[in-house]
């Protein structure tokens, strides 16, 4: 497969997944506004902080109001990680490989982009329920894209590149939203173990579509340890970090033809070490390290995997 095609399919999936996860970041905070006790101040700065683009927001908007943060993360066409920008980039990547992907995939990405564009152009003031409905539509459209791709595209190298893109993006964003909750979101250490603390952990689970599955595992209490364990180390939940890395590694070996455990390329070695470490970790190991420190290191290692994906498969090599 041409490196250009593989790169476009990989990033098409990353951008669609990124748009969905930005919707999840905003959605969790909006739902917290509905559930939080009166007198608790809104916290929008942590949502921007988790994107890693805090300086850009401060330069462009200044004040951390709900309106400013929602506009920045959702409809700012000049911010490359807004939902609108992600869908625009996804559409351009899909356009460049229309001869490779299915027509249903192209039609869905195009419709998804137009839906978000229309919402961005609307000048009508929207109430909270309408805003929440919009983010639900973004999440559902992303799910539908994954379903359409799985059902209509041959599961060949291109499909596996798309899977790796989606799964690595999802693992990164699960780590980020866990980090922002644990390290930043509570206004004071005095709130730890309080009703507000439990509400925030519950909202975090809901933002990852994990609340029901967490409960169905027999978890009767919402505790930081058990929530972190579920979202980091669970082998079966499709948004847990460990599950994403396991499945991404399988797709990687389908592309290279190398058996799992036999690492030949730099990206296979980086992915293999990451997956192996997650296999042998316990939540107590993570807490002893420090959840924030662990998640920061994990994000750095996932970025390294992304860099090595580029070097191994997408970088154009000079012809001697």
Protein backbone atom coordinates (compact mmCIF):
# COMPACT_ATOMS: atom_id res chain seq x y z
CA UNK A 1 0.00 0.00 0.00
CA UNK A 2 1.23 3.52 -0.82
CA UNK A 3 2.42 5.43 2.24
CA UNK A 4 0.21 8.38 1.20
CA UNK A 5 -2.89 6.19 1.25
CA UNK A 6 -1.99 4.54 4.56
CA UNK A 7 -1.32 7.95 6.11
CA UNK A 8 -4.66 9.36 4.93
CA UNK A 9 -6.69 6.42 6.24
CA UNK A 10 -4.82 6.50 9.55
CA UNK A 11 -5.49 10.24 10.03
CA UNK A 12 -9.05 10.04 8.73
CA UNK A 13 -9.81 7.74 11.66
CA UNK A 14 -7.78 9.74 14.18
CA UNK A 15 -9.59 12.95 13.29
CA UNK A 16 -13.07 11.40 13.52
CA UNK A 17 -12.16 9.86 16.88
CA UNK A 18 -10.65 13.15 18.06
CA UNK A 19 -13.85 15.03 17.20
CA UNK A 20 -15.84 12.50 19.23
CA UNK A 21 -13.54 12.80 22.21
CA UNK A 22 -13.60 16.60 22.21
CA UNK A 23 -17.39 16.28 22.33
CA UNK A 24 -16.97 13.98 25.31
CA UNK A 25 -14.74 16.49 27.13
CA UNK A 26 -17.32 19.26 26.82
CA UNK A 27 -20.26 16.96 27.43
CA UNK A 28 -18.90 15.74 30.78
CA UNK A 29 -18.54 19.30 32.05
CA UNK A 30 -22.02 20.29 30.87
CA UNK A 31 -23.51 17.28 32.64
CA UNK A 32 -21.61 18.19 35.80
CA UNK A 33 -23.34 21.58 35.73
CA UNK A 34 -26.67 19.76 35.95
CA UNK A 35 -25.58 17.45 38.78
CA UNK A 36 -23.32 19.63 40.93
CA UNK A 37 -24.63 21.10 44.19
CA UNK A 38 -25.53 24.79 44.13
CA UNK A 39 -22.65 27.10 44.96
CA UNK A 40 -20.00 25.00 43.19
CA UNK A 41 -18.29 27.15 40.58
CA UNK A 42 -18.05 26.07 36.94
CA UNK A 43 -14.61 24.87 35.90
CA UNK A 44 -13.79 25.28 32.24
CA UNK A 45 -10.03 25.83 32.38
CA UNK A 46 -9.27 22.11 33.04
CA UNK A 47 -11.12 21.13 29.86
CA UNK A 48 -8.84 23.39 27.80
CA UNK A 49 -5.79 22.27 29.78
CA UNK A 50 -6.41 18.63 28.87
CA UNK A 51 -6.09 19.49 25.16
CA UNK A 52 -2.57 20.84 25.68
CA UNK A 53 -3.55 24.10 23.96
CA UNK A 54 -4.02 26.39 26.96
CA UNK A 55 -1.63 29.16 25.71
CA UNK A 56 -3.47 29.36 22.39
CA UNK A 57 -6.83 29.69 24.13
CA UNK A 58 -5.55 32.42 26.43
CA UNK A 59 -4.15 34.31 23.46
CA UNK A 60 -7.37 34.01 21.46
CA UNK A 61 -10.10 34.20 24.11
CA UNK A 62 -8.65 35.13 27.48
CA UNK A 63 -11.47 34.38 29.90
CA UNK A 64 -12.53 30.78 30.68
CA UNK A 65 -16.28 31.12 30.23
CA UNK A 66 -18.56 28.32 29.07
CA UNK A 67 -19.29 30.21 25.83
CA UNK A 68 -15.61 30.82 25.05
CA UNK A 69 -14.49 27.25 25.78
CA UNK A 70 -17.36 25.69 23.83
CA UNK A 71 -16.68 27.98 20.86
CA UNK A 72 -12.93 27.24 20.97
CA UNK A 73 -13.24 23.46 21.26
CA UNK A 74 -16.22 23.03 18.95
CA UNK A 75 -16.51 25.64 16.21
CA UNK A 76 -13.20 27.55 16.00
CA UNK A 77 -12.09 26.94 12.43
CA UNK A 78 -8.64 28.37 13.15
CA UNK A 79 -7.99 25.98 16.04
CA UNK A 80 -6.76 22.71 14.46
CA UNK A 81 -8.18 20.44 17.19
CA UNK A 82 -11.72 21.84 17.33
CA UNK A 83 -14.52 19.50 16.29
CA UNK A 84 -15.10 21.58 13.13
CA UNK A 85 -11.39 21.51 12.18
CA UNK A 86 -11.09 17.77 12.89
CA UNK A 87 -14.06 17.00 10.65
CA UNK A 88 -12.69 19.27 7.92
CA UNK A 89 -9.36 17.42 8.06
CA UNK A 90 -11.11 14.03 8.16
CA UNK A 91 -13.12 15.01 5.07
CA UNK A 92 -10.00 16.10 3.18
CA UNK A 93 -8.23 12.84 4.03
CA UNK A 94 -11.29 10.87 2.93
CA UNK A 95 -11.45 12.86 -0.31
CA UNK A 96 -7.82 12.01 -1.09
CA UNK A 97 -8.46 8.25 -0.83
CA UNK A 98 -11.99 8.00 -2.26
CA UNK A 99 -10.78 5.29 -4.63
CA UNK A 100 -9.70 3.16 -1.65
CA UNK A 101 -12.45 3.65 0.96
CA UNK A 102 -16.09 2.71 0.38
CA UNK A 103 -18.58 5.23 -1.02
CA UNK A 104 -20.61 4.82 2.19
CA UNK A 105 -17.61 5.98 4.26
CA UNK A 106 -17.16 9.05 2.11
CA UNK A 107 -20.87 9.91 2.22
CA UNK A 108 -20.97 9.58 6.00
CA UNK A 109 -17.85 11.72 6.60
CA UNK A 110 -19.22 14.36 4.24
CA UNK A 111 -22.63 14.38 5.99
CA UNK A 112 -20.93 14.51 9.40
CA UNK A 113 -18.86 17.53 8.36
CA UNK A 114 -21.89 19.33 6.91
CA UNK A 115 -23.87 18.71 10.11
CA UNK A 116 -21.15 20.34 12.23
CA UNK A 117 -20.67 23.18 9.71
CA UNK A 118 -24.38 23.97 9.80
CA UNK A 119 -24.33 24.04 13.60
CA UNK A 120 -21.29 26.36 13.54
CA UNK A 121 -23.09 28.80 11.25
CA UNK A 122 -26.24 28.91 13.37
CA UNK A 123 -26.62 32.22 15.18
CA UNK A 124 -29.65 31.12 17.16
CA UNK A 125 -29.02 31.03 20.95
CA UNK A 126 -29.27 27.47 22.18
CA UNK A 127 -30.31 26.21 25.59
CA UNK A 128 -28.33 23.59 27.49
CA UNK A 129 -30.49 20.67 26.31
CA UNK A 130 -29.92 21.65 22.65
CA UNK A 131 -26.16 21.89 23.20
CA UNK A 132 -26.11 18.49 24.90
CA UNK A 133 -28.11 17.03 22.01
CA UNK A 134 -25.54 18.36 19.53
CA UNK A 135 -22.68 16.62 21.34
CA UNK A 136 -24.68 13.39 21.46
CA UNK A 137 -25.11 13.68 17.68
CA UNK A 138 -21.35 14.14 17.26
CA UNK A 139 -20.62 11.04 19.34
CA UNK A 140 -23.24 8.99 17.48
CA UNK A 141 -21.94 10.11 14.08
CA UNK A 142 -18.46 8.94 15.08
CA UNK A 143 -19.85 5.55 16.17
CA UNK A 144 -21.70 5.28 12.86
CA UNK A 145 -18.53 6.02 10.91
CA UNK A 146 -16.69 3.19 12.68
CA UNK A 147 -19.63 0.86 11.98
CA UNK A 148 -19.85 1.85 8.32
CA UNK A 149 -16.10 1.35 7.90
CA UNK A 150 -16.21 -2.08 9.54
CA UNK A 151 -19.18 -3.18 7.43
CA UNK A 152 -18.23 -1.79 4.02
CA UNK A 153 -14.43 -1.72 3.74
CA UNK A 154 -12.29 -4.78 3.11
CA UNK A 155 -10.35 -5.62 6.27
CA UNK A 156 -7.00 -5.29 4.57
CA UNK A 157 -3.93 -3.18 5.34
CA UNK A 158 -5.85 0.07 4.89
CA UNK A 159 -8.52 -0.98 7.36
CA UNK A 160 -5.86 -1.93 9.91
CA UNK A 161 -4.13 1.45 9.54
CA UNK A 162 -7.50 3.04 10.27
CA UNK A 163 -7.97 0.86 13.32
CA UNK A 164 -4.57 1.83 14.72
CA UNK A 165 -5.35 5.51 14.20
CA UNK A 166 -8.71 5.28 15.97
CA UNK A 167 -7.44 3.16 18.87
CA UNK A 168 -4.31 5.22 19.59
CA UNK A 169 -6.36 8.43 19.56
CA UNK A 170 -8.93 6.87 21.89
CA UNK A 171 -6.29 5.60 24.33
CA UNK A 172 -4.66 9.04 24.44
CA UNK A 173 -7.93 10.83 25.14
CA UNK A 174 -8.98 8.33 27.84
CA UNK A 175 -5.64 9.04 29.57
CA UNK A 176 -6.15 12.80 29.24
CA UNK A 177 -9.66 12.86 30.66
CA UNK A 178 -8.59 10.65 33.58
CA UNK A 179 -5.67 12.96 34.25
CA UNK A 180 -7.72 16.14 34.21
CA UNK A 181 -10.19 14.67 36.70
CA UNK A 182 -7.65 13.32 39.14
CA UNK A 183 -5.10 16.09 39.02
CA UNK A 184 -7.04 19.26 38.31
CA UNK A 185 -10.83 19.17 38.43
CA UNK A 186 -11.52 19.22 42.19
CA UNK A 187 -11.43 22.80 43.48
CA UNK A 188 -9.86 21.70 46.79
CA UNK A 189 -8.30 18.60 48.33
CA UNK A 190 -11.03 18.92 50.99
CA UNK A 191 -13.54 17.69 48.39
CA UNK A 192 -11.85 14.28 48.04
CA UNK A 193 -14.34 11.58 49.01
CA UNK A 194 -17.22 14.07 49.02
CA UNK A 195 -20.48 13.88 47.10
CA UNK A 196 -19.01 16.26 44.53
CA UNK A 197 -15.99 13.99 44.10
CA UNK A 198 -18.26 10.99 43.47
CA UNK A 199 -20.39 12.98 41.03
CA UNK A 200 -17.28 13.91 39.07
CA UNK A 201 -16.01 10.32 38.89
CA UNK A 202 -19.48 9.25 37.76
CA UNK A 203 -19.50 11.97 35.11
CA UNK A 204 -16.06 10.81 33.94
CA UNK A 205 -17.35 7.26 33.49
CA UNK A 206 -20.33 8.57 31.55
CA UNK A 207 -18.07 10.68 29.34
CA UNK A 208 -16.28 7.47 28.30
CA UNK A 209 -19.62 5.62 27.85
CA UNK A 210 -18.32 3.42 30.66
CA UNK A 211 -20.80 3.97 33.49
CA UNK A 212 -23.17 1.11 32.65
CA UNK A 213 -20.39 -1.38 31.91
CA UNK A 214 -18.63 -0.38 35.13
CA UNK A 215 -21.82 -1.08 37.09
CA UNK A 216 -22.49 -4.36 35.26
CA UNK A 217 -19.13 -5.66 36.50
CA UNK A 218 -20.61 -5.63 40.00
CA UNK A 219 -19.06 -2.35 41.10
CA UNK A 220 -21.52 -0.92 43.62
CA UNK A 221 -19.41 2.05 44.68
CA UNK A 222 -17.74 4.76 42.66
CA UNK A 223 -14.16 4.88 43.93
CA UNK A 224 -11.12 6.50 42.27
CA UNK A 225 -9.14 3.24 42.43
CA UNK A 226 -11.80 1.12 40.76
CA UNK A 227 -12.66 3.72 38.11
CA UNK A 228 -8.98 4.21 37.21
CA UNK A 229 -8.45 0.45 37.10
CA UNK A 230 -11.44 -0.01 34.78
CA UNK A 231 -10.46 2.76 32.36
CA UNK A 232 -6.75 1.90 32.29
CA UNK A 233 -6.40 -1.86 32.73
CA UNK A 234 -9.66 -3.56 31.72
CA UNK A 235 -9.05 -6.09 28.91
CA UNK A 236 -12.58 -6.13 27.52
CA UNK A 237 -14.04 -2.61 27.68
CA UNK A 238 -13.44 -0.98 24.25
CA UNK A 239 -12.48 2.46 25.58
CA UNK A 240 -9.99 1.28 28.22
CA UNK A 241 -6.36 2.13 27.49
CA UNK A 242 -5.18 -1.46 27.74
CA UNK A 243 -7.87 -2.74 25.34
CA UNK A 244 -7.01 -0.03 22.79
CA UNK A 245 -3.28 -0.81 22.90
CA UNK A 246 -3.90 -4.58 22.65
CA UNK A 247 -6.12 -4.19 19.58
CA UNK A 248 -3.81 -1.62 17.96
CA UNK A 249 -0.88 -4.01 18.36
CA UNK A 250 -2.87 -6.81 16.69
CA UNK A 251 -3.63 -4.57 13.72
CA UNK A 252 0.01 -3.52 13.55
CA UNK A 253 1.13 -7.16 13.30
CA UNK A 254 -1.51 -7.80 10.63
CA UNK A 255 0.17 -5.06 8.58
CA UNK A 256 3.77 -6.19 9.15
CA UNK A 257 3.04 -9.93 9.04
CA UNK A 258 5.17 -10.40 12.15
CA UNK A 259 3.72 -12.65 14.88
CA UNK A 260 2.73 -10.88 18.10
CA UNK A 261 5.75 -10.99 20.39
CA UNK A 262 8.24 -10.96 17.51
CA UNK A 263 9.18 -7.30 17.23
CA UNK A 264 11.16 -6.26 14.15
CA UNK A 265 10.40 -2.60 13.47
CA UNK A 266 10.84 0.29 15.91
CA UNK A 267 7.09 0.85 16.10
CA UNK A 268 6.49 -2.84 16.89
CA UNK A 269 9.03 -2.65 19.70
CA UNK A 270 7.54 0.56 21.14
CA UNK A 271 3.98 -0.79 20.94
CA UNK A 272 5.01 -4.19 22.29
CA UNK A 273 6.77 -2.73 25.32
CA UNK A 274 3.77 -0.53 26.06
CA UNK A 275 1.29 -3.41 25.80
CA UNK A 276 3.51 -5.72 27.89
CA UNK A 277 3.84 -3.15 30.66
CA UNK A 278 0.06 -2.73 30.81
CA UNK A 279 -0.36 -6.53 30.95
CA UNK A 280 1.71 -6.80 34.12
CA UNK A 281 0.70 -3.62 35.92
CA UNK A 282 -1.78 -3.49 38.79
CA UNK A 283 -3.75 -0.46 39.92
CA UNK A 284 -1.71 -0.44 43.14
CA UNK A 285 1.47 -0.12 41.06
CA UNK A 286 -0.07 2.84 39.25
CA UNK A 287 -1.25 4.58 42.44
CA UNK A 288 2.16 4.03 44.07
CA UNK A 289 3.78 5.71 41.06
CA UNK A 290 1.21 8.50 41.17
CA UNK A 291 -1.74 8.48 38.79
CA UNK A 292 -0.85 11.82 37.23
CA UNK A 293 2.80 10.83 36.74
CA UNK A 294 1.78 7.47 35.29
CA UNK A 295 -0.69 9.03 32.82
CA UNK A 296 1.81 11.68 31.76
CA UNK A 297 4.41 9.01 31.03
CA UNK A 298 1.79 6.91 29.23
CA UNK A 299 0.84 9.81 26.96
CA UNK A 300 4.51 10.40 26.18
CA UNK A 301 4.96 6.74 25.22
CA UNK A 302 1.84 6.77 23.04
CA UNK A 303 3.17 9.89 21.28
CA UNK A 304 6.40 7.96 20.70
CA UNK A 305 4.41 5.13 19.09
CA UNK A 306 2.76 7.72 16.83
CA UNK A 307 6.13 9.16 15.84
CA UNK A 308 7.47 5.70 15.03
CA UNK A 309 4.33 4.91 12.98
CA UNK A 310 5.18 7.95 10.86
CA UNK A 311 8.86 6.99 10.53
CA UNK A 312 8.10 3.36 9.68
CA UNK A 313 5.14 3.69 7.32
CA UNK A 314 4.37 7.25 6.26
CA UNK A 315 7.65 9.19 5.89
CA UNK A 316 8.75 9.52 2.29
CA UNK A 317 12.17 7.99 1.82
CA UNK A 318 14.68 9.72 -0.45
CA UNK A 319 15.56 7.71 -3.55
CA UNK A 320 19.35 7.37 -3.88
